[in-house]
Amino acid sequence: MKCRYAVVLIVPFLLFAIVAEALASVEWTPGRAFKIDESPVDVACSADGRWVFVLTDEGSLLIYSAEGKLADRIAVGTHVDSIKTGPKADILLLVSRKNKTVEEIVLDFIYDINISGSPFKGKDTAPVIITVFNDYQ
């Protein structure tokens, strides 16, 4: 019987010694800070890490590039109280506990491409420009 009690008393100390060795410290460095005029309510990052979405208390969705530049502002309404990213980088879910809804929005990012000096076909005043990148090796 004395051996059983000794084992019961020794096992917790052994487990503590094993767990104590597994603990590690974490080094961290402060990163970029996003200075905004409105109070943030929720924050999410796109699946590909290129965009940071900030929901504000005034019902705005602020879209920042990974470099911290404000790319756009979308009015989503004050009923939205949290945001979640979808399975793809262009899908965002707007959650409203008040309305008991989850709205999906699909974002289409539009980029300006400087084509001055590039070869082209057709009129240079055309309302639509289709750019083809076919010379990548």
N, C-alpha and C. Protein backbone atom coordinates (compact mmCIF):
# COMPACT_ATOMS: atom_id res chain seq x y z
N MET A 1 0.82 -1.20 0.00
CA MET A 1 0.00 0.00 0.00
C MET A 1 0.86 1.26 0.00
N LYS A 2 2.02 1.22 0.70
CA LYS A 2 2.86 2.41 0.76
C LYS A 2 3.42 2.76 -0.61
N CYS A 3 3.70 1.76 -1.46
CA CYS A 3 4.20 2.02 -2.80
C CYS A 3 3.17 2.74 -3.64
N ARG A 4 1.92 2.34 -3.51
CA ARG A 4 0.86 2.98 -4.30
C ARG A 4 0.76 4.46 -3.96
N TYR A 5 0.82 4.80 -2.70
CA TYR A 5 0.73 6.20 -2.30
C TYR A 5 1.94 6.99 -2.77
N ALA A 6 3.07 6.36 -2.76
CA ALA A 6 4.29 7.02 -3.22
C ALA A 6 4.20 7.34 -4.72
N VAL A 7 3.66 6.39 -5.50
CA VAL A 7 3.50 6.61 -6.93
C VAL A 7 2.49 7.74 -7.18
N VAL A 8 1.41 7.75 -6.43
CA VAL A 8 0.38 8.78 -6.58
C VAL A 8 0.97 10.15 -6.26
N LEU A 9 1.87 10.23 -5.33
CA LEU A 9 2.47 11.51 -4.97
C LEU A 9 3.57 11.93 -5.94
N ILE A 10 4.27 10.97 -6.51
CA ILE A 10 5.39 11.29 -7.40
C ILE A 10 4.92 11.66 -8.80
N VAL A 11 3.86 11.06 -9.32
CA VAL A 11 3.38 11.29 -10.68
C VAL A 11 3.06 12.76 -10.94
N PRO A 12 2.33 13.47 -10.06
CA PRO A 12 2.07 14.90 -10.33
C PRO A 12 3.36 15.72 -10.44
N PHE A 13 4.37 15.42 -9.62
CA PHE A 13 5.62 16.16 -9.69
C PHE A 13 6.35 15.89 -11.00
N LEU A 14 6.31 14.66 -11.48
CA LEU A 14 6.93 14.33 -12.76
C LEU A 14 6.22 15.04 -13.91
N LEU A 15 4.90 15.04 -13.88
CA LEU A 15 4.14 15.73 -14.92
C LEU A 15 4.45 17.22 -14.91
N PHE A 16 4.55 17.82 -13.73
CA PHE A 16 4.86 19.25 -13.63
C PHE A 16 6.24 19.53 -14.22
N ALA A 17 7.20 18.65 -13.96
CA ALA A 17 8.55 18.85 -14.48
C ALA A 17 8.56 18.76 -16.01
N ILE A 18 7.78 17.85 -16.58
CA ILE A 18 7.72 17.72 -18.04
C ILE A 18 7.05 18.94 -18.66
N VAL A 19 5.93 19.38 -18.07
CA VAL A 19 5.20 20.54 -18.59
C VAL A 19 6.03 21.81 -18.44
N ALA A 20 6.74 21.95 -17.33
CA ALA A 20 7.54 23.15 -17.10
C ALA A 20 8.63 23.29 -18.16
N GLU A 21 9.18 22.19 -18.62
CA GLU A 21 10.20 22.24 -19.66
C GLU A 21 9.61 22.59 -21.02
N ALA A 22 8.31 22.29 -21.24
CA ALA A 22 7.68 22.54 -22.53
C ALA A 22 7.29 24.01 -22.71
N LEU A 23 7.20 24.76 -21.62
CA LEU A 23 6.84 26.17 -21.74
C LEU A 23 7.97 26.93 -22.41
N ALA A 24 7.59 27.86 -23.29
CA ALA A 24 8.60 28.62 -24.02
C ALA A 24 8.24 30.09 -23.96
N SER A 25 9.23 30.92 -24.16
CA SER A 25 8.95 32.34 -24.21
C SER A 25 8.70 32.74 -25.66
N VAL A 26 8.09 33.89 -25.83
CA VAL A 26 7.77 34.38 -27.16
C VAL A 26 8.40 35.75 -27.33
N GLU A 27 9.13 35.92 -28.40
CA GLU A 27 9.66 37.23 -28.73
C GLU A 27 8.71 37.90 -29.70
N TRP A 28 8.49 39.18 -29.55
CA TRP A 28 7.60 39.88 -30.45
C TRP A 28 8.11 41.29 -30.70
N THR A 29 7.71 41.80 -31.83
CA THR A 29 8.09 43.14 -32.24
C THR A 29 6.83 43.89 -32.66
N PRO A 30 6.62 45.10 -32.18
CA PRO A 30 5.43 45.84 -32.61
C PRO A 30 5.47 46.06 -34.11
N GLY A 31 4.32 45.92 -34.75
CA GLY A 31 4.23 46.11 -36.20
C GLY A 31 3.57 47.43 -36.53
N ARG A 32 2.96 47.49 -37.67
CA ARG A 32 2.31 48.69 -38.18
C ARG A 32 1.05 48.99 -37.39
N ALA A 33 0.76 50.24 -37.16
CA ALA A 33 -0.48 50.68 -36.51
C ALA A 33 -1.33 51.41 -37.54
N PHE A 34 -2.60 51.10 -37.57
CA PHE A 34 -3.54 51.76 -38.47
C PHE A 34 -4.23 52.87 -37.69
N LYS A 35 -3.99 54.11 -38.05
CA LYS A 35 -4.61 55.26 -37.41
C LYS A 35 -5.88 55.59 -38.17
N ILE A 36 -7.04 55.46 -37.51
CA ILE A 36 -8.31 55.76 -38.17
C ILE A 36 -9.07 56.79 -37.34
N ASP A 37 -10.00 57.47 -38.00
CA ASP A 37 -10.76 58.52 -37.33
C ASP A 37 -11.94 58.00 -36.54
N GLU A 38 -12.42 56.81 -36.85
CA GLU A 38 -13.57 56.22 -36.19
C GLU A 38 -13.11 55.11 -35.25
N SER A 39 -13.98 54.73 -34.32
CA SER A 39 -13.63 53.65 -33.38
C SER A 39 -13.81 52.29 -34.05
N PRO A 40 -12.78 51.45 -34.02
CA PRO A 40 -12.92 50.12 -34.61
C PRO A 40 -13.79 49.21 -33.75
N VAL A 41 -14.61 48.40 -34.42
CA VAL A 41 -15.47 47.44 -33.75
C VAL A 41 -14.93 46.03 -33.93
N ASP A 42 -14.44 45.74 -35.15
CA ASP A 42 -13.91 44.42 -35.45
C ASP A 42 -12.87 44.55 -36.56
N VAL A 43 -11.99 43.58 -36.63
CA VAL A 43 -10.93 43.57 -37.64
C VAL A 43 -10.80 42.15 -38.19
N ALA A 44 -10.55 42.06 -39.49
CA ALA A 44 -10.31 40.76 -40.13
C ALA A 44 -9.25 40.95 -41.20
N CYS A 45 -8.58 39.87 -41.54
CA CYS A 45 -7.54 39.89 -42.57
C CYS A 45 -7.94 38.92 -43.67
N SER A 46 -7.71 39.30 -44.93
CA SER A 46 -8.06 38.42 -46.04
C SER A 46 -7.25 37.13 -45.97
N ALA A 47 -7.78 36.11 -46.60
CA ALA A 47 -7.13 34.80 -46.57
C ALA A 47 -5.73 34.82 -47.15
N ASP A 48 -5.50 35.68 -48.13
CA ASP A 48 -4.18 35.75 -48.75
C ASP A 48 -3.26 36.77 -48.07
N GLY A 49 -3.75 37.46 -47.04
CA GLY A 49 -2.93 38.40 -46.28
C GLY A 49 -2.70 39.74 -46.96
N ARG A 50 -3.36 40.00 -48.08
CA ARG A 50 -3.13 41.25 -48.82
C ARG A 50 -3.99 42.40 -48.31
N TRP A 51 -5.08 42.11 -47.58
CA TRP A 51 -6.02 43.15 -47.18
C TRP A 51 -6.36 43.03 -45.70
N VAL A 52 -6.55 44.18 -45.07
CA VAL A 52 -7.01 44.24 -43.68
C VAL A 52 -8.33 45.00 -43.69
N PHE A 53 -9.37 44.39 -43.12
CA PHE A 53 -10.70 44.97 -43.08
C PHE A 53 -10.98 45.45 -41.67
N VAL A 54 -11.43 46.70 -41.54
CA VAL A 54 -11.74 47.27 -40.23
C VAL A 54 -13.19 47.73 -40.25
N LEU A 55 -14.01 47.18 -39.35
CA LEU A 55 -15.39 47.60 -39.18
C LEU A 55 -15.42 48.68 -38.11
N THR A 56 -16.07 49.81 -38.40
CA THR A 56 -16.11 50.92 -37.44
C THR A 56 -17.49 51.03 -36.79
N ASP A 57 -17.53 51.76 -35.69
CA ASP A 57 -18.79 51.94 -34.98
C ASP A 57 -19.79 52.82 -35.75
N GLU A 58 -19.34 53.51 -36.77
CA GLU A 58 -20.23 54.34 -37.59
C GLU A 58 -20.78 53.58 -38.79
N GLY A 59 -20.52 52.27 -38.87
CA GLY A 59 -21.07 51.45 -39.94
C GLY A 59 -20.26 51.45 -41.22
N SER A 60 -18.99 51.78 -41.12
CA SER A 60 -18.12 51.77 -42.29
C SER A 60 -17.21 50.56 -42.26
N LEU A 61 -16.90 50.06 -43.44
CA LEU A 61 -15.91 49.01 -43.60
C LEU A 61 -14.72 49.65 -44.28
N LEU A 62 -13.60 49.74 -43.58
CA LEU A 62 -12.39 50.33 -44.12
C LEU A 62 -11.52 49.20 -44.65
N ILE A 63 -11.03 49.35 -45.87
CA ILE A 63 -10.19 48.32 -46.48
C ILE A 63 -8.79 48.88 -46.64
N TYR A 64 -7.84 48.27 -45.94
CA TYR A 64 -6.45 48.68 -45.98
C TYR A 64 -5.62 47.64 -46.72
N SER A 65 -4.62 48.11 -47.45
CA SER A 65 -3.66 47.18 -48.05
C SER A 65 -2.77 46.66 -46.93
N ALA A 66 -2.03 45.61 -47.21
CA ALA A 66 -1.12 45.05 -46.21
C ALA A 66 -0.05 46.06 -45.81
N GLU A 67 0.21 47.04 -46.67
CA GLU A 67 1.20 48.08 -46.38
C GLU A 67 0.63 49.18 -45.49
N GLY A 68 -0.67 49.13 -45.20
CA GLY A 68 -1.29 50.11 -44.32
C GLY A 68 -1.93 51.29 -45.02
N LYS A 69 -2.09 51.23 -46.34
CA LYS A 69 -2.70 52.32 -47.10
C LYS A 69 -4.20 52.07 -47.21
N LEU A 70 -5.01 53.09 -46.91
CA LEU A 70 -6.46 52.97 -47.05
C LEU A 70 -6.82 52.87 -48.52
N ALA A 71 -7.41 51.73 -48.92
CA ALA A 71 -7.75 51.50 -50.32
C ALA A 71 -9.18 51.92 -50.62
N ASP A 72 -10.09 51.71 -49.68
CA ASP A 72 -11.48 52.07 -49.92
C ASP A 72 -12.27 52.06 -48.61
N ARG A 73 -13.45 52.66 -48.69
CA ARG A 73 -14.38 52.72 -47.56
C ARG A 73 -15.76 52.35 -48.10
N ILE A 74 -16.42 51.40 -47.43
CA ILE A 74 -17.74 50.95 -47.85
C ILE A 74 -18.70 51.14 -46.68
N ALA A 75 -19.86 51.74 -46.95
CA ALA A 75 -20.89 51.88 -45.91
C ALA A 75 -21.66 50.57 -45.82
N VAL A 76 -21.59 49.91 -44.66
CA VAL A 76 -22.29 48.63 -44.48
C VAL A 76 -23.44 48.75 -43.49
N GLY A 77 -23.52 49.83 -42.76
CA GLY A 77 -24.61 50.04 -41.82
C GLY A 77 -24.20 49.74 -40.39
N THR A 78 -24.85 50.41 -39.46
CA THR A 78 -24.51 50.25 -38.04
C THR A 78 -25.06 48.96 -37.45
N HIS A 79 -25.93 48.26 -38.18
CA HIS A 79 -26.44 46.98 -37.68
C HIS A 79 -25.38 45.88 -37.72
N VAL A 80 -24.35 46.05 -38.54
CA VAL A 80 -23.27 45.06 -38.63
C VAL A 80 -22.37 45.22 -37.42
N ASP A 81 -22.18 44.13 -36.67
CA ASP A 81 -21.35 44.23 -35.46
C ASP A 81 -20.10 43.37 -35.48
N SER A 82 -19.93 42.55 -36.52
CA SER A 82 -18.66 41.83 -36.67
C SER A 82 -18.47 41.42 -38.12
N ILE A 83 -17.22 41.15 -38.47
CA ILE A 83 -16.89 40.73 -39.83
C ILE A 83 -16.02 39.48 -39.77
N LYS A 84 -16.17 38.65 -40.76
CA LYS A 84 -15.38 37.43 -40.88
C LYS A 84 -14.96 37.30 -42.34
N THR A 85 -13.80 36.73 -42.56
CA THR A 85 -13.37 36.48 -43.94
C THR A 85 -13.94 35.15 -44.40
N GLY A 86 -14.19 35.09 -45.70
CA GLY A 86 -14.72 33.87 -46.30
C GLY A 86 -13.59 32.94 -46.71
N PRO A 87 -13.94 31.88 -47.44
CA PRO A 87 -12.93 30.90 -47.86
C PRO A 87 -11.98 31.43 -48.92
N LYS A 88 -12.36 32.51 -49.60
CA LYS A 88 -11.50 33.11 -50.61
C LYS A 88 -11.19 34.54 -50.20
N ALA A 89 -10.16 35.10 -50.78
CA ALA A 89 -9.70 36.44 -50.40
C ALA A 89 -10.70 37.53 -50.74
N ASP A 90 -11.62 37.27 -51.66
CA ASP A 90 -12.55 38.30 -52.09
C ASP A 90 -13.93 38.19 -51.44
N ILE A 91 -14.10 37.31 -50.47
CA ILE A 91 -15.39 37.14 -49.80
C ILE A 91 -15.29 37.60 -48.36
N LEU A 92 -16.28 38.40 -47.95
CA LEU A 92 -16.33 38.91 -46.59
C LEU A 92 -17.74 38.68 -46.05
N LEU A 93 -17.83 38.27 -44.80
CA LEU A 93 -19.12 38.01 -44.16
C LEU A 93 -19.40 39.11 -43.14
N LEU A 94 -20.57 39.73 -43.25
CA LEU A 94 -21.00 40.77 -42.34
C LEU A 94 -22.04 40.18 -41.39
N VAL A 95 -21.76 40.20 -40.09
CA VAL A 95 -22.61 39.56 -39.10
C VAL A 95 -23.37 40.63 -38.33
N SER A 96 -24.69 40.40 -38.17
CA SER A 96 -25.53 41.30 -37.38
C SER A 96 -26.29 40.48 -36.35
N ARG A 97 -25.94 40.64 -35.09
CA ARG A 97 -26.68 39.95 -34.03
C ARG A 97 -28.07 40.55 -33.88
N LYS A 98 -28.17 41.87 -34.05
CA LYS A 98 -29.44 42.57 -33.92
C LYS A 98 -30.45 42.07 -34.94
N ASN A 99 -30.04 41.96 -36.21
CA ASN A 99 -30.93 41.51 -37.28
C ASN A 99 -30.92 40.00 -37.47
N LYS A 100 -30.04 39.32 -36.75
CA LYS A 100 -29.89 37.86 -36.86
C LYS A 100 -29.59 37.45 -38.31
N THR A 101 -28.60 38.14 -38.90
CA THR A 101 -28.26 37.87 -40.29
C THR A 101 -26.75 37.74 -40.47
N VAL A 102 -26.38 37.04 -41.52
CA VAL A 102 -25.01 36.98 -42.00
C VAL A 102 -25.09 37.31 -43.49
N GLU A 103 -24.48 38.43 -43.88
CA GLU A 103 -24.50 38.85 -45.28
C GLU A 103 -23.13 38.56 -45.89
N GLU A 104 -23.16 37.99 -47.07
CA GLU A 104 -21.92 37.75 -47.80
C GLU A 104 -21.75 38.84 -48.84
N ILE A 105 -20.57 39.43 -48.88
CA ILE A 105 -20.27 40.38 -49.94
C ILE A 105 -19.03 39.88 -50.67
N VAL A 106 -19.05 40.07 -51.97
CA VAL A 106 -17.91 39.68 -52.81
C VAL A 106 -17.22 40.97 -53.26
N LEU A 107 -15.95 41.06 -52.99
CA LEU A 107 -15.18 42.25 -53.32
C LEU A 107 -14.44 42.05 -54.63
N ASP A 108 -14.52 43.00 -55.52
CA ASP A 108 -13.76 42.99 -56.76
C ASP A 108 -12.75 44.12 -56.68
N PHE A 109 -11.50 43.79 -56.58
CA PHE A 109 -10.46 44.81 -56.47
C PHE A 109 -10.06 45.26 -57.87
N ILE A 110 -10.11 46.57 -58.09
CA ILE A 110 -9.81 47.16 -59.39
C ILE A 110 -8.46 47.86 -59.28
N TYR A 111 -7.59 47.56 -60.21
CA TYR A 111 -6.25 48.12 -60.19
C TYR A 111 -6.04 49.02 -61.40
N ASP A 112 -5.40 50.15 -61.20
CA ASP A 112 -4.99 51.01 -62.30
C ASP A 112 -3.65 50.52 -62.82
N ILE A 113 -3.55 50.37 -64.14
CA ILE A 113 -2.32 49.91 -64.75
C ILE A 113 -1.86 50.99 -65.72
N ASN A 114 -0.65 51.46 -65.54
CA ASN A 114 -0.10 52.48 -66.42
C ASN A 114 0.32 51.81 -67.73
N ILE A 115 -0.37 52.19 -68.81
CA ILE A 115 -0.07 51.57 -70.12
C ILE A 115 0.58 52.58 -71.06
N SER A 116 0.95 53.73 -70.56
CA SER A 116 1.56 54.72 -71.45
C SER A 116 2.86 54.17 -72.02
N GLY A 117 3.01 54.34 -73.33
CA GLY A 117 4.20 53.85 -74.01
C GLY A 117 4.12 52.38 -74.41
N SER A 118 3.04 51.71 -74.07
CA SER A 118 2.90 50.29 -74.42
C SER A 118 2.25 50.16 -75.78
N PRO A 119 2.57 49.10 -76.51
CA PRO A 119 1.92 48.89 -77.81
C PRO A 119 0.44 48.56 -77.60
N PHE A 120 -0.40 49.02 -78.57
CA PHE A 120 -1.82 48.73 -78.46
C PHE A 120 -2.44 48.67 -79.84
N LYS A 121 -3.66 48.09 -79.90
CA LYS A 121 -4.44 48.04 -81.13
C LYS A 121 -5.72 48.83 -80.87
N GLY A 122 -6.22 49.49 -81.87
CA GLY A 122 -7.46 50.23 -81.74
C GLY A 122 -7.22 51.68 -81.38
N LYS A 123 -8.32 52.36 -81.04
CA LYS A 123 -8.25 53.78 -80.71
C LYS A 123 -7.71 53.97 -79.30
N ASP A 124 -6.87 54.97 -79.14
CA ASP A 124 -6.32 55.25 -77.80
C ASP A 124 -7.34 55.91 -76.89
N THR A 125 -8.51 56.29 -77.41
CA THR A 125 -9.56 56.90 -76.59
C THR A 125 -10.68 55.91 -76.27
N ALA A 126 -10.45 54.64 -76.47
CA ALA A 126 -11.47 53.62 -76.23
C ALA A 126 -11.87 53.62 -74.74
N PRO A 127 -13.17 53.43 -74.46
CA PRO A 127 -13.63 53.44 -73.06
C PRO A 127 -13.20 52.20 -72.27
N VAL A 128 -12.87 51.14 -72.96
CA VAL A 128 -12.45 49.90 -72.29
C VAL A 128 -11.08 49.50 -72.81
N ILE A 129 -10.22 49.13 -71.89
CA ILE A 129 -8.89 48.67 -72.27
C ILE A 129 -8.70 47.27 -71.70
N ILE A 130 -8.35 46.35 -72.54
CA ILE A 130 -8.06 44.98 -72.10
C ILE A 130 -6.55 44.81 -72.17
N THR A 131 -5.97 44.48 -71.04
CA THR A 131 -4.53 44.30 -70.97
C THR A 131 -4.22 42.82 -70.86
N VAL A 132 -3.34 42.35 -71.73
CA VAL A 132 -2.95 40.94 -71.73
C VAL A 132 -1.49 40.85 -71.37
N PHE A 133 -1.20 40.07 -70.33
CA PHE A 133 0.19 39.83 -69.93
C PHE A 133 0.57 38.45 -70.44
N ASN A 134 1.22 38.39 -71.59
CA ASN A 134 1.54 37.09 -72.15
C ASN A 134 3.03 36.89 -72.38
N ASP A 135 3.85 37.77 -71.87
CA ASP A 135 5.29 37.64 -72.09
C ASP A 135 6.05 37.18 -70.86
N TYR A 136 5.31 36.62 -69.89
CA TYR A 136 6.00 36.14 -68.68
C TYR A 136 6.70 34.83 -69.00
N GLN A 137 7.90 34.69 -68.52
CA GLN A 137 8.68 33.48 -68.76
C GLN A 137 8.57 32.56 -67.57
